[in-house]
N, C-alpha and C. Protein backbone atom coordinates (compact mmCIF):
# COMPACT_ATOMS: atom_id res chain seq x y z
N MET A 1 129.81 36.64 56.44
CA MET A 1 129.96 35.56 57.40
C MET A 1 131.36 35.02 57.35
N GLY A 2 132.07 34.94 58.47
CA GLY A 2 133.41 34.49 58.50
C GLY A 2 133.55 32.97 58.41
N PHE A 3 134.75 32.53 58.15
CA PHE A 3 135.05 31.08 58.00
C PHE A 3 134.53 30.28 59.18
N PHE A 4 134.84 30.79 60.45
CA PHE A 4 134.45 30.02 61.58
C PHE A 4 132.99 30.17 61.97
N ASP A 5 132.30 31.20 61.50
CA ASP A 5 130.88 31.26 61.66
C ASP A 5 130.26 30.12 60.89
N LYS A 6 130.83 29.67 59.83
CA LYS A 6 130.34 28.51 59.10
C LYS A 6 130.63 27.20 59.82
N ILE A 7 131.72 27.14 60.53
CA ILE A 7 132.13 25.90 61.20
C ILE A 7 131.46 25.72 62.57
N PHE A 8 131.45 26.79 63.39
CA PHE A 8 130.93 26.68 64.72
C PHE A 8 129.41 26.58 64.68
N ARG A 9 128.90 25.63 65.46
CA ARG A 9 127.42 25.47 65.59
C ARG A 9 127.16 25.72 67.07
N ARG A 10 126.61 26.93 67.42
CA ARG A 10 126.35 27.23 68.81
C ARG A 10 125.08 26.63 69.29
N LYS A 11 125.20 25.85 70.40
CA LYS A 11 124.05 25.23 71.03
C LYS A 11 124.31 25.47 72.58
N ASP A 12 123.68 24.63 73.38
CA ASP A 12 123.98 24.70 74.79
C ASP A 12 125.42 24.24 74.97
N LYS A 13 125.99 24.57 76.11
CA LYS A 13 127.37 24.21 76.42
C LYS A 13 127.48 22.73 76.46
N PRO A 14 128.63 22.10 76.08
CA PRO A 14 129.76 22.76 75.50
C PRO A 14 129.59 23.07 74.05
N VAL A 15 130.29 24.11 73.59
CA VAL A 15 130.31 24.46 72.16
C VAL A 15 131.00 23.33 71.48
N THR A 16 130.60 22.98 70.24
CA THR A 16 131.25 21.94 69.46
C THR A 16 131.80 22.57 68.19
N ILE A 17 132.78 21.88 67.65
CA ILE A 17 133.38 22.29 66.35
C ILE A 17 132.93 21.23 65.38
N THR A 18 132.52 21.66 64.19
CA THR A 18 132.18 20.71 63.15
C THR A 18 133.18 20.94 62.02
N ALA A 19 134.03 19.97 61.74
CA ALA A 19 134.99 20.00 60.69
C ALA A 19 134.92 18.71 59.93
N GLU A 20 134.55 18.82 58.64
CA GLU A 20 134.45 17.59 57.79
C GLU A 20 133.55 16.57 58.46
N SER A 21 132.41 17.02 58.96
CA SER A 21 131.38 16.10 59.57
C SER A 21 131.81 15.45 60.83
N LYS A 22 132.85 15.87 61.50
CA LYS A 22 133.26 15.32 62.74
C LYS A 22 133.01 16.35 63.88
N ASN A 23 132.38 15.94 64.90
CA ASN A 23 132.14 16.84 66.06
C ASN A 23 133.10 16.50 67.13
N ALA A 24 133.66 17.53 67.75
CA ALA A 24 134.59 17.39 68.85
C ALA A 24 134.24 18.36 69.92
N PRO A 25 134.14 17.96 71.17
CA PRO A 25 133.83 18.91 72.24
C PRO A 25 134.97 19.93 72.45
N VAL A 26 134.64 21.14 72.81
CA VAL A 26 135.63 22.12 73.09
C VAL A 26 136.20 21.88 74.49
N ILE A 27 137.54 21.79 74.53
CA ILE A 27 138.23 21.53 75.80
C ILE A 27 138.96 22.82 76.18
N GLY A 28 138.90 23.13 77.51
CA GLY A 28 139.56 24.32 77.96
C GLY A 28 141.09 24.29 77.72
N ASN A 29 141.71 25.43 77.92
CA ASN A 29 143.13 25.57 77.65
C ASN A 29 143.94 25.00 78.87
N LYS A 30 144.36 23.75 78.77
CA LYS A 30 145.01 23.13 79.90
C LYS A 30 146.51 23.27 79.86
N PHE A 31 147.08 23.86 78.79
CA PHE A 31 148.55 23.99 78.68
C PHE A 31 149.05 25.39 78.91
N GLY A 32 148.16 26.35 79.20
CA GLY A 32 148.60 27.74 79.38
C GLY A 32 149.00 28.38 78.05
N ILE A 33 148.37 27.97 76.97
CA ILE A 33 148.62 28.53 75.69
C ILE A 33 148.02 29.94 75.59
N MET A 34 148.77 30.88 75.09
CA MET A 34 148.29 32.24 74.84
C MET A 34 148.05 32.49 73.37
N ALA A 35 147.01 33.27 73.06
CA ALA A 35 146.69 33.65 71.70
C ALA A 35 147.01 35.13 71.54
N GLU A 36 147.62 35.48 70.42
CA GLU A 36 148.04 36.92 70.20
C GLU A 36 147.88 37.24 68.76
N ASN A 37 147.35 38.47 68.54
CA ASN A 37 147.39 39.04 67.20
C ASN A 37 147.83 40.49 67.35
N GLN A 38 147.67 41.33 66.34
CA GLN A 38 148.20 42.65 66.48
C GLN A 38 147.39 43.53 67.46
N ASP A 39 146.20 43.02 67.87
CA ASP A 39 145.34 43.86 68.73
C ASP A 39 145.33 43.42 70.17
N ARG A 40 145.56 42.12 70.44
CA ARG A 40 145.39 41.66 71.81
C ARG A 40 146.17 40.35 72.05
N ARG A 41 146.39 40.08 73.34
CA ARG A 41 146.98 38.81 73.79
C ARG A 41 146.14 38.29 74.94
N ILE A 42 145.62 37.07 74.77
CA ILE A 42 144.67 36.50 75.72
C ILE A 42 144.95 35.03 75.96
N PRO A 43 144.48 34.45 77.06
CA PRO A 43 144.57 32.99 77.18
C PRO A 43 143.75 32.36 76.02
N ALA A 44 144.35 31.33 75.45
CA ALA A 44 143.83 30.80 74.16
C ALA A 44 142.68 29.81 74.37
N GLU A 45 141.54 30.30 74.78
CA GLU A 45 140.34 29.47 74.79
C GLU A 45 139.93 29.29 73.37
N LEU A 46 139.42 28.15 73.02
CA LEU A 46 139.20 27.76 71.62
C LEU A 46 138.38 28.73 70.85
N ASN A 47 137.22 29.18 71.35
CA ASN A 47 136.35 30.05 70.62
C ASN A 47 137.12 31.38 70.29
N ALA A 48 137.77 31.99 71.27
CA ALA A 48 138.46 33.24 71.03
C ALA A 48 139.59 33.03 70.04
N ALA A 49 140.37 31.97 70.22
CA ALA A 49 141.51 31.75 69.30
C ALA A 49 141.00 31.53 67.89
N MET A 50 139.93 30.82 67.71
CA MET A 50 139.41 30.52 66.35
C MET A 50 138.84 31.79 65.71
N TYR A 51 138.24 32.67 66.50
CA TYR A 51 137.78 33.94 65.90
C TYR A 51 138.94 34.83 65.57
N MET A 52 140.02 34.81 66.36
CA MET A 52 141.19 35.52 65.99
C MET A 52 141.79 34.98 64.71
N LEU A 53 141.78 33.67 64.51
CA LEU A 53 142.22 33.03 63.28
C LEU A 53 141.37 33.48 62.10
N ASP A 54 140.05 33.55 62.35
CA ASP A 54 139.15 34.03 61.29
C ASP A 54 139.51 35.42 60.89
N GLU A 55 139.87 36.28 61.80
CA GLU A 55 140.29 37.63 61.49
C GLU A 55 141.55 37.62 60.61
N ALA A 56 142.45 36.70 60.89
CA ALA A 56 143.67 36.57 60.05
C ALA A 56 143.33 36.07 58.66
N PHE A 57 142.31 35.20 58.56
CA PHE A 57 141.86 34.76 57.21
C PHE A 57 141.26 35.88 56.40
N GLU A 58 140.57 36.81 57.10
CA GLU A 58 139.82 37.87 56.40
C GLU A 58 140.67 39.11 56.17
N ASN A 59 141.77 39.33 56.88
CA ASN A 59 142.51 40.55 56.79
C ASN A 59 144.02 40.22 56.70
N ASN A 60 144.60 40.62 55.57
CA ASN A 60 146.02 40.31 55.30
C ASN A 60 146.98 40.94 56.33
N GLU A 61 146.52 41.94 57.08
CA GLU A 61 147.35 42.57 58.08
C GLU A 61 147.27 41.89 59.47
N GLN A 62 146.38 40.91 59.60
CA GLN A 62 146.19 40.23 60.85
C GLN A 62 146.97 38.89 60.87
N PHE A 63 147.20 38.36 62.02
CA PHE A 63 147.88 37.10 62.21
C PHE A 63 147.37 36.52 63.49
N LEU A 64 147.68 35.25 63.74
CA LEU A 64 147.42 34.63 65.02
C LEU A 64 148.61 33.84 65.42
N THR A 65 149.07 34.05 66.65
CA THR A 65 150.12 33.25 67.21
C THR A 65 149.63 32.55 68.46
N LEU A 66 149.79 31.25 68.55
CA LEU A 66 149.48 30.49 69.75
C LEU A 66 150.81 30.10 70.33
N SER A 67 151.06 30.47 71.61
CA SER A 67 152.38 30.26 72.20
C SER A 67 152.30 29.68 73.60
N LEU A 68 153.32 28.95 73.91
CA LEU A 68 153.53 28.34 75.23
C LEU A 68 154.62 29.14 75.96
N GLU A 69 154.56 29.17 77.31
CA GLU A 69 155.62 29.85 78.02
C GLU A 69 156.93 29.10 77.80
N LYS A 70 156.90 27.77 77.74
CA LYS A 70 158.08 26.98 77.42
C LYS A 70 157.55 25.72 76.69
N PRO A 71 158.35 25.22 75.76
CA PRO A 71 157.95 24.08 75.00
C PRO A 71 157.65 22.81 75.85
N LEU A 72 156.66 22.07 75.49
CA LEU A 72 156.35 20.81 76.20
C LEU A 72 156.71 19.60 75.38
N TYR A 73 156.50 19.67 74.07
CA TYR A 73 156.71 18.49 73.19
C TYR A 73 157.51 18.88 71.96
N ASP A 74 158.54 18.12 71.64
CA ASP A 74 159.30 18.31 70.42
C ASP A 74 159.88 19.71 70.25
N GLY A 75 160.01 20.47 71.33
CA GLY A 75 160.57 21.76 71.27
C GLY A 75 159.64 22.85 70.69
N VAL A 76 158.43 22.52 70.38
CA VAL A 76 157.50 23.47 69.79
C VAL A 76 157.01 24.44 70.84
N TYR A 77 157.24 25.71 70.62
CA TYR A 77 156.70 26.71 71.60
C TYR A 77 155.79 27.72 71.00
N PHE A 78 155.66 27.80 69.66
CA PHE A 78 154.58 28.62 69.13
C PHE A 78 154.24 28.13 67.74
N VAL A 79 152.97 28.43 67.33
CA VAL A 79 152.48 28.25 66.00
C VAL A 79 151.81 29.54 65.61
N GLN A 80 152.10 29.99 64.39
CA GLN A 80 151.47 31.23 63.95
C GLN A 80 150.93 31.10 62.55
N ALA A 81 149.91 31.86 62.23
CA ALA A 81 149.29 31.78 60.90
C ALA A 81 148.95 33.14 60.40
N ALA A 82 149.05 33.33 59.08
CA ALA A 82 148.69 34.60 58.43
C ALA A 82 148.45 34.30 56.95
N ARG A 83 147.57 35.09 56.37
CA ARG A 83 147.35 34.98 54.94
C ARG A 83 148.50 35.61 54.22
N ILE A 84 148.94 34.97 53.08
CA ILE A 84 150.05 35.56 52.30
C ILE A 84 149.48 36.04 50.96
N PRO A 85 150.26 36.83 50.29
CA PRO A 85 149.74 37.46 49.01
C PRO A 85 149.05 36.54 47.99
N ASP A 86 149.51 35.28 47.86
CA ASP A 86 148.90 34.41 46.88
C ASP A 86 147.52 33.88 47.35
N GLY A 87 147.09 34.28 48.55
CA GLY A 87 145.77 33.87 49.03
C GLY A 87 145.77 32.65 49.95
N SER A 88 146.88 31.94 49.99
CA SER A 88 146.96 30.76 50.88
C SER A 88 147.36 31.22 52.30
N ILE A 89 147.46 30.29 53.19
CA ILE A 89 147.80 30.59 54.56
C ILE A 89 149.19 30.03 54.85
N SER A 90 150.05 30.88 55.46
CA SER A 90 151.34 30.42 55.91
C SER A 90 151.24 30.11 57.38
N VAL A 91 151.64 28.86 57.71
CA VAL A 91 151.70 28.43 59.08
C VAL A 91 153.15 28.27 59.45
N GLN A 92 153.63 28.95 60.49
CA GLN A 92 154.99 28.85 60.93
C GLN A 92 155.05 28.28 62.36
N VAL A 93 156.02 27.48 62.57
CA VAL A 93 156.19 26.82 63.91
C VAL A 93 157.58 27.18 64.43
N GLY A 94 157.64 27.66 65.64
CA GLY A 94 158.91 27.94 66.35
C GLY A 94 159.32 26.76 67.15
N ILE A 95 160.54 26.25 66.90
CA ILE A 95 161.03 25.05 67.57
C ILE A 95 162.33 25.39 68.31
N GLU A 96 162.34 25.12 69.59
CA GLU A 96 163.54 25.35 70.39
C GLU A 96 164.41 24.09 70.37
N THR A 97 165.69 24.26 70.00
CA THR A 97 166.62 23.13 69.96
C THR A 97 167.83 23.45 70.85
N GLU A 98 168.71 22.46 70.94
CA GLU A 98 169.94 22.69 71.73
C GLU A 98 170.78 23.78 71.12
N ASN A 99 170.69 23.93 69.79
CA ASN A 99 171.49 24.91 69.08
C ASN A 99 170.78 26.25 68.88
N GLY A 100 169.68 26.49 69.55
CA GLY A 100 168.98 27.72 69.41
C GLY A 100 167.59 27.48 68.86
N THR A 101 166.98 28.47 68.31
CA THR A 101 165.57 28.41 67.82
C THR A 101 165.59 28.31 66.28
N ARG A 102 164.71 27.48 65.77
CA ARG A 102 164.51 27.46 64.30
C ARG A 102 163.04 27.67 64.02
N LEU A 103 162.84 28.19 62.86
CA LEU A 103 161.46 28.50 62.37
C LEU A 103 161.24 27.68 61.14
N VAL A 104 160.13 26.94 61.12
CA VAL A 104 159.75 26.15 59.93
C VAL A 104 158.36 26.64 59.53
N GLU A 105 158.06 26.44 58.21
CA GLU A 105 156.79 26.90 57.73
C GLU A 105 156.24 26.00 56.65
N LYS A 106 154.91 26.13 56.38
CA LYS A 106 154.24 25.40 55.35
C LYS A 106 153.04 26.26 54.94
N THR A 107 152.72 26.26 53.61
CA THR A 107 151.50 26.94 53.19
C THR A 107 150.43 25.92 52.98
N MET A 108 149.18 26.36 53.22
CA MET A 108 148.05 25.45 53.22
C MET A 108 146.76 26.24 53.08
N ASP A 109 145.64 25.50 53.07
CA ASP A 109 144.36 26.14 53.02
C ASP A 109 143.83 26.44 54.44
N GLU A 110 142.69 27.13 54.50
CA GLU A 110 142.09 27.52 55.80
C GLU A 110 141.74 26.33 56.72
N VAL A 111 141.15 25.31 56.14
CA VAL A 111 140.70 24.17 56.96
C VAL A 111 141.93 23.48 57.53
N SER A 112 142.95 23.23 56.72
CA SER A 112 144.20 22.52 57.24
C SER A 112 144.80 23.39 58.35
N CYS A 113 144.88 24.67 58.15
CA CYS A 113 145.43 25.59 59.19
C CYS A 113 144.64 25.47 60.48
N ALA A 114 143.29 25.53 60.35
CA ALA A 114 142.41 25.44 61.53
C ALA A 114 142.67 24.16 62.28
N LYS A 115 142.85 23.06 61.57
CA LYS A 115 143.05 21.75 62.21
C LYS A 115 144.38 21.77 62.98
N ILE A 116 145.42 22.42 62.40
CA ILE A 116 146.70 22.49 63.10
C ILE A 116 146.57 23.34 64.36
N MET A 117 145.84 24.43 64.28
CA MET A 117 145.68 25.29 65.45
C MET A 117 144.88 24.59 66.56
N ILE A 118 143.83 23.90 66.15
CA ILE A 118 142.99 23.16 67.13
C ILE A 118 143.86 22.04 67.76
N HIS A 119 144.62 21.32 66.95
CA HIS A 119 145.47 20.25 67.48
C HIS A 119 146.49 20.82 68.50
N PHE A 120 147.09 21.99 68.19
CA PHE A 120 148.04 22.60 69.08
C PHE A 120 147.33 22.96 70.40
N LEU A 121 146.14 23.56 70.33
CA LEU A 121 145.42 23.94 71.51
C LEU A 121 145.09 22.69 72.37
N GLU A 122 144.77 21.60 71.74
CA GLU A 122 144.37 20.37 72.47
C GLU A 122 145.56 19.58 72.99
N THR A 123 146.72 19.64 72.33
CA THR A 123 147.81 18.77 72.68
C THR A 123 149.16 19.49 72.97
N ALA A 124 149.27 20.80 72.66
CA ALA A 124 150.51 21.57 72.77
C ALA A 124 151.59 20.98 71.89
N SER A 125 151.18 20.37 70.78
CA SER A 125 152.17 19.77 69.82
C SER A 125 151.69 20.01 68.39
N VAL A 126 152.58 19.81 67.45
CA VAL A 126 152.30 19.95 66.03
C VAL A 126 152.68 18.63 65.37
N GLY A 127 151.75 18.02 64.70
CA GLY A 127 151.99 16.77 63.99
C GLY A 127 152.72 16.96 62.65
N ASP A 128 153.39 15.95 62.18
CA ASP A 128 154.07 15.89 60.86
C ASP A 128 154.97 17.13 60.64
N ILE A 129 155.78 17.45 61.66
CA ILE A 129 156.66 18.57 61.59
C ILE A 129 157.71 18.47 60.50
N ASP A 130 158.03 17.22 60.09
CA ASP A 130 158.99 16.98 59.02
C ASP A 130 158.49 17.52 57.65
N SER A 131 157.19 17.75 57.50
CA SER A 131 156.71 18.20 56.26
C SER A 131 156.84 19.79 56.08
N TYR A 132 157.30 20.42 57.16
CA TYR A 132 157.54 21.86 57.13
C TYR A 132 158.93 22.18 56.57
N THR A 133 159.12 23.37 55.99
CA THR A 133 160.36 23.79 55.43
C THR A 133 161.05 24.78 56.36
N LEU A 134 162.33 24.66 56.50
CA LEU A 134 163.09 25.61 57.35
C LEU A 134 163.08 26.99 56.73
N VAL A 135 162.81 28.01 57.61
CA VAL A 135 162.83 29.34 57.18
C VAL A 135 164.23 29.88 57.39
N LYS A 136 164.90 30.35 56.28
CA LYS A 136 166.28 30.85 56.38
C LYS A 136 166.22 32.27 56.93
N MET A 137 166.96 32.47 58.00
CA MET A 137 167.07 33.82 58.59
C MET A 137 168.23 34.53 58.02
N CYS A 138 168.10 35.81 57.78
CA CYS A 138 169.25 36.59 57.33
C CYS A 138 169.94 37.21 58.51
N SER A 139 171.22 37.29 58.47
CA SER A 139 171.98 37.96 59.56
C SER A 139 172.19 39.40 59.20
N VAL A 140 172.03 40.24 60.19
CA VAL A 140 172.12 41.69 59.94
C VAL A 140 173.47 42.18 60.36
């Protein structure tokens, strides 16, 4: 049983998410967010995106990227997650600035990652971006 099989409680529509005893109705993708992993790219409806995230939690070769065609808030145009060798989850956020693009990241557990992904799907933004660390890019 996957992580999200434990969280999702399927009943009549709308599907609800249960996280830490809080229920929230599933809202459609109103921002044009796309979900992508190594196998497919689809409009990021919550159920599909969360099952793709569950695949990333279960398989070290999988990842999930939620992306916007163009940033709407704070320059954020994608959020991606993948399991890293120590077993935690790396969440990376792409931020477009006047000086180009920067990538920031933070490691966390599965529940915290899921909350960030759900928040991005619902708001097209990422909270507490100052708590992320800048990823240094090497020049080739």
